[in-house]
């Protein structure tokens, strides 16, 4: 808090005097679903003089371009067009922002409401969304259903579904999302269930297995299983980011991403990824 005004009011004007008032401009693109090396490959060869840098802040990466000269605005606009042409599917915002803030602005603009049913994330998705001021306009609530009994009684997940597929399954994630949407009366709801570790994994469902479901008033329920990585905190954080990004992509009509250690690619949903309801 102290450094920013000092830099803006004192250091930058002083540097401008030293450099002969050469204009310096920058743009920062916030990305999710792709690694630094993947970003570097995609932006390699963009024409024009600019300094590129990356800042990894798990689970996202910032891409920044800095230019100097008299035609700063025009050059930054040109870089922006190239960046969106190459990275558009991974960019969720620009500048000093976050996934939860961008999603909140999008929900508010669409007059849409959302709820979350969380198991392995333990309320982290709702916590992040409620960090944004004004979230009461679009966030109706979250249901932390960690135990199977809670999934049954709070979300209406059938016991037969839990017995047949297990708590960590696409079927249960979809039922959790549908239950949250019914209970809280929202247009959109997301269910998250998984194994964050360090215990509880198996050969069929290793640690890092996380299943998601999205239920919406205007769309069939969508489910997907991901194999995430890292320690317990990383799995929870990455799962919360995916849940928020699913809602953003649903609102924008974008494909989901296939998350992996080396990045992500858009995927076309197969029939088994779409549940009726």
Protein backbone atom coordinates (compact mmCIF):
# COMPACT_ATOMS: atom_id res chain seq x y z
CA UNK A 1 0.00 0.00 0.00
CA UNK A 2 2.86 2.38 0.72
CA UNK A 3 5.02 1.39 -2.22
CA UNK A 4 2.45 1.93 -4.99
CA UNK A 5 1.80 5.66 -4.39
CA UNK A 6 5.53 6.27 -3.84
CA UNK A 7 6.29 4.62 -7.16
CA UNK A 8 3.50 6.40 -9.04
CA UNK A 9 3.98 9.87 -7.54
CA UNK A 10 7.75 10.01 -7.11
CA UNK A 11 9.81 7.26 -8.74
CA UNK A 12 8.15 7.11 -12.17
CA UNK A 13 8.21 10.92 -12.71
CA UNK A 14 11.87 10.93 -11.69
CA UNK A 15 12.67 8.12 -14.15
CA UNK A 16 10.79 10.01 -16.87
CA UNK A 17 13.08 13.01 -16.33
CA UNK A 18 16.17 10.83 -16.52
CA UNK A 19 15.08 9.19 -19.78
CA UNK A 20 14.08 12.42 -21.46
CA UNK A 21 10.35 11.85 -20.96
CA UNK A 22 10.30 8.83 -23.29
CA UNK A 23 6.82 7.32 -23.08
CA UNK A 24 6.56 3.83 -21.65
CA UNK A 25 3.40 1.76 -21.92
CA UNK A 26 2.40 -1.77 -21.00
CA UNK A 27 -0.44 -4.28 -21.15
CA UNK A 28 -0.86 -7.30 -18.90
CA UNK A 29 -2.94 -10.28 -19.98
CA UNK A 30 -4.16 -12.73 -17.32
CA UNK A 31 -4.23 -16.32 -18.54
CA UNK A 32 -5.33 -19.69 -17.19
CA UNK A 33 -4.95 -23.19 -18.56
CA UNK A 34 -1.56 -22.91 -20.23
CA UNK A 35 2.03 -23.11 -19.00
CA UNK A 36 4.75 -20.46 -19.32
CA UNK A 37 6.55 -22.52 -21.97
CA UNK A 38 3.28 -22.91 -23.88
CA UNK A 39 2.70 -19.16 -23.74
CA UNK A 40 6.23 -18.49 -24.92
CA UNK A 41 5.75 -20.74 -27.93
CA UNK A 42 2.47 -19.07 -28.89
CA UNK A 43 3.70 -15.47 -28.67
CA UNK A 44 7.07 -16.18 -30.30
CA UNK A 45 7.40 -14.28 -33.53
CA UNK A 46 4.86 -11.55 -32.80
CA UNK A 47 6.16 -8.65 -34.91
CA UNK A 48 7.16 -5.36 -33.32
CA UNK A 49 9.57 -4.15 -30.67
CA UNK A 50 8.37 -4.97 -27.19
CA UNK A 51 9.69 -6.62 -24.06
CA UNK A 52 7.73 -9.70 -23.02
CA UNK A 53 7.69 -11.19 -19.55
CA UNK A 54 5.76 -13.85 -17.65
CA UNK A 55 4.74 -14.02 -14.00
CA UNK A 56 3.51 -17.36 -12.73
CA UNK A 57 1.16 -17.16 -9.77
CA UNK A 58 -0.31 -20.65 -9.49
CA UNK A 59 -2.69 -21.54 -11.01
CA UNK A 60 -2.47 -18.70 -13.55
CA UNK A 61 0.18 -16.85 -15.54
CA UNK A 62 0.39 -13.15 -16.37
CA UNK A 63 1.77 -12.11 -19.75
CA UNK A 64 3.12 -8.55 -19.93
CA UNK A 65 4.39 -6.52 -22.86
CA UNK A 66 6.24 -3.21 -22.40
CA UNK A 67 6.95 -0.72 -25.21
CA UNK A 68 8.83 2.59 -25.32
CA UNK A 69 8.53 5.43 -27.79
CA UNK A 70 6.16 8.07 -29.12
CA UNK A 71 3.55 5.73 -30.61
CA UNK A 72 2.99 3.66 -27.46
CA UNK A 73 -0.81 3.45 -27.69
CA UNK A 74 -0.82 2.35 -31.32
CA UNK A 75 1.84 -0.29 -30.77
CA UNK A 76 0.14 -1.66 -27.67
CA UNK A 77 -3.11 -1.93 -29.60
CA UNK A 78 -1.29 -3.90 -32.30
CA UNK A 79 0.28 -6.22 -29.75
CA UNK A 80 -3.13 -6.70 -28.14
CA UNK A 81 -4.71 -7.84 -31.41
CA UNK A 82 -1.91 -10.35 -31.96
CA UNK A 83 -2.04 -11.65 -28.40
CA UNK A 84 -5.80 -12.22 -28.51
CA UNK A 85 -5.48 -13.91 -31.90
CA UNK A 86 -2.99 -16.38 -30.46
CA UNK A 87 -3.99 -16.67 -26.78
CA UNK A 88 -7.62 -15.62 -26.79
CA UNK A 89 -8.92 -18.97 -25.52
CA UNK A 90 -6.66 -18.71 -22.45
CA UNK A 91 -7.07 -15.02 -21.58
CA UNK A 92 -9.69 -14.28 -18.96
CA UNK A 93 -8.86 -10.63 -18.26
CA UNK A 94 -6.38 -7.78 -18.40
CA UNK A 95 -4.59 -5.71 -15.80
CA UNK A 96 -4.83 -6.10 -12.04
CA UNK A 97 -7.75 -8.50 -11.82
CA UNK A 98 -8.63 -12.07 -10.83
CA UNK A 99 -10.79 -14.89 -12.10
CA UNK A 100 -13.38 -14.27 -9.38
CA UNK A 101 -13.58 -10.55 -10.15
CA UNK A 102 -13.91 -11.12 -13.90
CA UNK A 103 -16.58 -13.75 -13.31
CA UNK A 104 -18.46 -11.45 -10.94
CA UNK A 105 -18.52 -8.67 -13.51
CA UNK A 106 -19.74 -11.10 -16.15
CA UNK A 107 -22.49 -12.51 -13.92
CA UNK A 108 -23.65 -9.01 -13.00
CA UNK A 109 -23.69 -7.91 -16.64
CA UNK A 110 -25.77 -10.96 -17.61
CA UNK A 111 -28.10 -10.67 -14.57
CA UNK A 112 -27.20 -14.28 -13.84
CA UNK A 113 -27.06 -16.01 -10.46
CA UNK A 114 -24.77 -18.82 -9.36
CA UNK A 115 -24.34 -21.32 -6.51
CA UNK A 116 -21.72 -23.93 -5.68
CA UNK A 117 -21.85 -27.38 -4.11
CA UNK A 118 -18.41 -28.17 -2.75
CA UNK A 119 -16.85 -31.26 -1.28
CA UNK A 120 -13.04 -31.44 -1.63
CA UNK A 121 -12.67 -27.64 -1.94
CA UNK A 122 -14.46 -27.12 1.38
CA UNK A 123 -15.97 -23.74 0.51
CA UNK A 124 -12.91 -22.27 -1.22
CA UNK A 125 -14.84 -21.47 -4.41
CA UNK A 126 -17.50 -19.56 -2.47
CA UNK A 127 -14.81 -17.86 -0.38
CA UNK A 128 -13.05 -16.55 -3.47
CA UNK A 129 -16.24 -15.30 -5.05
CA UNK A 130 -17.32 -13.52 -1.87
CA UNK A 131 -13.99 -11.68 -1.74
CA UNK A 132 -15.39 -9.50 -4.52
CA UNK A 133 -17.48 -6.54 -3.28
CA UNK A 134 -21.04 -6.56 -4.58
CA UNK A 135 -21.14 -10.35 -4.98
CA UNK A 136 -24.59 -10.48 -3.34
CA UNK A 137 -26.00 -9.37 -6.69
CA UNK A 138 -25.19 -12.72 -8.30
CA UNK A 139 -23.98 -15.21 -5.66
CA UNK A 140 -26.83 -16.97 -3.87
CA UNK A 141 -24.81 -19.28 -1.66
CA UNK A 142 -22.71 -22.41 -1.37
CA UNK A 143 -23.34 -25.81 0.18
CA UNK A 144 -20.39 -27.64 1.73
CA UNK A 145 -21.39 -31.28 1.48
CA UNK A 146 -18.28 -33.17 2.53
CA UNK A 147 -19.82 -36.37 3.86
CA UNK A 148 -22.00 -38.63 1.76
CA UNK A 149 -24.89 -38.06 4.17
CA UNK A 150 -24.61 -34.32 3.57
CA UNK A 151 -24.65 -34.88 -0.18
CA UNK A 152 -27.85 -36.88 0.22
CA UNK A 153 -29.71 -34.68 2.67
CA UNK A 154 -28.57 -31.20 1.58
CA UNK A 155 -28.29 -31.73 -2.18
CA UNK A 156 -30.59 -34.65 -2.85
CA UNK A 157 -27.88 -36.87 -4.32
CA UNK A 158 -29.43 -40.38 -4.47
CA UNK A 159 -27.79 -42.95 -2.21
CA UNK A 160 -27.89 -45.41 -5.12
CA UNK A 161 -25.75 -43.02 -7.18
CA UNK A 162 -23.16 -42.76 -4.41
CA UNK A 163 -23.08 -46.53 -3.98
CA UNK A 164 -22.79 -47.25 -7.69
CA UNK A 165 -20.20 -44.64 -8.65
CA UNK A 166 -18.66 -43.35 -5.42
CA UNK A 167 -18.60 -39.81 -4.07
CA UNK A 168 -15.80 -38.84 -6.46
CA UNK A 169 -17.46 -39.35 -9.82
CA UNK A 170 -18.90 -37.33 -12.67
CA UNK A 171 -22.34 -38.68 -11.89
CA UNK A 172 -22.24 -37.38 -8.31
CA UNK A 173 -20.68 -34.05 -9.35
CA UNK A 174 -23.55 -33.51 -11.78
CA UNK A 175 -26.13 -34.43 -9.15
CA UNK A 176 -24.48 -32.06 -6.67
CA UNK A 177 -24.71 -29.19 -9.16
CA UNK A 178 -28.36 -29.94 -9.88
CA UNK A 179 -29.12 -30.15 -6.16
CA UNK A 180 -27.46 -26.80 -5.46
CA UNK A 181 -29.36 -25.14 -8.28
CA UNK A 182 -32.66 -26.49 -6.93
CA UNK A 183 -31.92 -25.61 -3.33
CA UNK A 184 -30.71 -22.08 -3.98
CA UNK A 185 -32.82 -21.21 -7.03
CA UNK A 186 -30.04 -20.09 -9.36
CA UNK A 187 -29.60 -20.13 -13.09
CA UNK A 188 -26.20 -21.82 -12.80
CA UNK A 189 -24.62 -24.13 -10.23
CA UNK A 190 -21.36 -26.06 -10.12
CA UNK A 191 -20.56 -29.20 -8.12
CA UNK A 192 -17.01 -30.15 -7.13
CA UNK A 193 -15.94 -33.46 -5.58
CA UNK A 194 -12.50 -35.01 -5.46
CA UNK A 195 -9.51 -36.45 -3.63
CA UNK A 196 -7.15 -33.69 -2.50
CA UNK A 197 -4.80 -36.02 -0.60
CA UNK A 198 -2.40 -36.85 0.81
CA UNK A 199 -4.51 -39.92 1.64
CA UNK A 200 -7.59 -41.49 0.12
CA UNK A 201 -6.38 -42.27 -3.39
CA UNK A 202 -6.68 -45.58 -5.21
CA UNK A 203 -5.54 -47.10 -8.49
CA UNK A 204 -8.84 -46.14 -10.13
CA UNK A 205 -9.06 -42.73 -8.49
CA UNK A 206 -5.59 -41.49 -7.54
CA UNK A 207 -4.92 -38.41 -5.45
CA UNK A 208 -5.76 -35.34 -7.48
CA UNK A 209 -8.84 -36.86 -9.10
CA UNK A 210 -11.50 -34.12 -9.14
CA UNK A 211 -14.90 -34.25 -10.83
CA UNK A 212 -16.99 -31.25 -11.79
CA UNK A 213 -20.59 -30.78 -12.81
CA UNK A 214 -22.35 -27.70 -14.13
CA UNK A 215 -26.13 -27.42 -14.12
CA UNK A 216 -27.85 -24.53 -15.88
CA UNK A 217 -31.41 -23.56 -16.69
CA UNK A 218 -30.68 -23.29 -20.40
CA UNK A 219 -28.28 -26.20 -20.88
CA UNK A 220 -27.95 -29.93 -20.18
CA UNK A 221 -25.87 -30.77 -17.13
CA UNK A 222 -22.20 -31.05 -18.07
CA UNK A 223 -19.71 -33.20 -16.16
CA UNK A 224 -16.01 -33.88 -16.44
CA UNK A 225 -13.22 -35.62 -14.57
CA UNK A 226 -9.73 -34.10 -14.27
CA UNK A 227 -6.48 -35.45 -12.90
CA UNK A 228 -4.92 -32.55 -11.02
CA UNK A 229 -1.49 -32.43 -9.35
CA UNK A 230 0.45 -31.01 -6.43
CA UNK A 231 -0.14 -31.07 -2.70
CA UNK A 232 -3.51 -30.71 -0.99
CA UNK A 233 -3.49 -26.92 -1.16
CA UNK A 234 -2.60 -26.92 -4.85
CA UNK A 235 -5.34 -29.39 -5.73
CA UNK A 236 -7.94 -27.34 -3.86
CA UNK A 237 -6.79 -24.04 -5.39
CA UNK A 238 -6.64 -25.43 -8.92
CA UNK A 239 -10.06 -27.05 -8.49
CA UNK A 240 -11.54 -23.74 -7.33
CA UNK A 241 -10.05 -21.98 -10.36
CA UNK A 242 -11.53 -24.56 -12.72
CA UNK A 243 -14.95 -24.23 -11.10
CA UNK A 244 -14.95 -20.45 -11.55
CA UNK A 245 -13.64 -20.76 -15.09
CA UNK A 246 -16.39 -23.25 -15.97
CA UNK A 247 -19.04 -20.68 -15.12
CA UNK A 248 -17.20 -17.98 -17.08
CA UNK A 249 -16.88 -20.21 -20.12
CA UNK A 250 -20.53 -21.26 -19.91
CA UNK A 251 -21.66 -17.64 -19.92
CA UNK A 252 -19.41 -16.80 -22.87
CA UNK A 253 -20.24 -19.95 -24.84
CA UNK A 254 -16.60 -21.09 -24.80
CA UNK A 255 -15.42 -24.73 -24.77
CA UNK A 256 -14.07 -26.26 -21.60
CA UNK A 257 -10.34 -26.78 -21.19
CA UNK A 258 -8.59 -30.10 -20.76
CA UNK A 259 -6.32 -29.28 -17.83
CA UNK A 260 -2.88 -30.89 -17.66
CA UNK A 261 0.54 -30.15 -16.22
CA UNK A 262 1.79 -28.83 -19.53
CA UNK A 263 -1.21 -26.61 -20.09
CA UNK A 264 -4.65 -27.06 -21.53
CA UNK A 265 -6.51 -27.34 -24.79
CA UNK A 266 -10.16 -26.70 -25.62
CA UNK A 267 -12.24 -29.85 -25.84
CA UNK A 268 -15.48 -30.69 -27.54
CA UNK A 269 -17.78 -32.45 -25.11
CA UNK A 270 -18.42 -36.08 -25.86
CA UNK A 271 -21.78 -37.69 -25.25
CA UNK A 272 -20.62 -39.21 -21.96
CA UNK A 273 -19.72 -35.72 -20.72
CA UNK A 274 -23.32 -34.52 -20.95
CA UNK A 275 -25.90 -35.78 -18.51
CA UNK A 276 -29.63 -35.28 -18.99
CA UNK A 277 -31.44 -32.95 -16.64
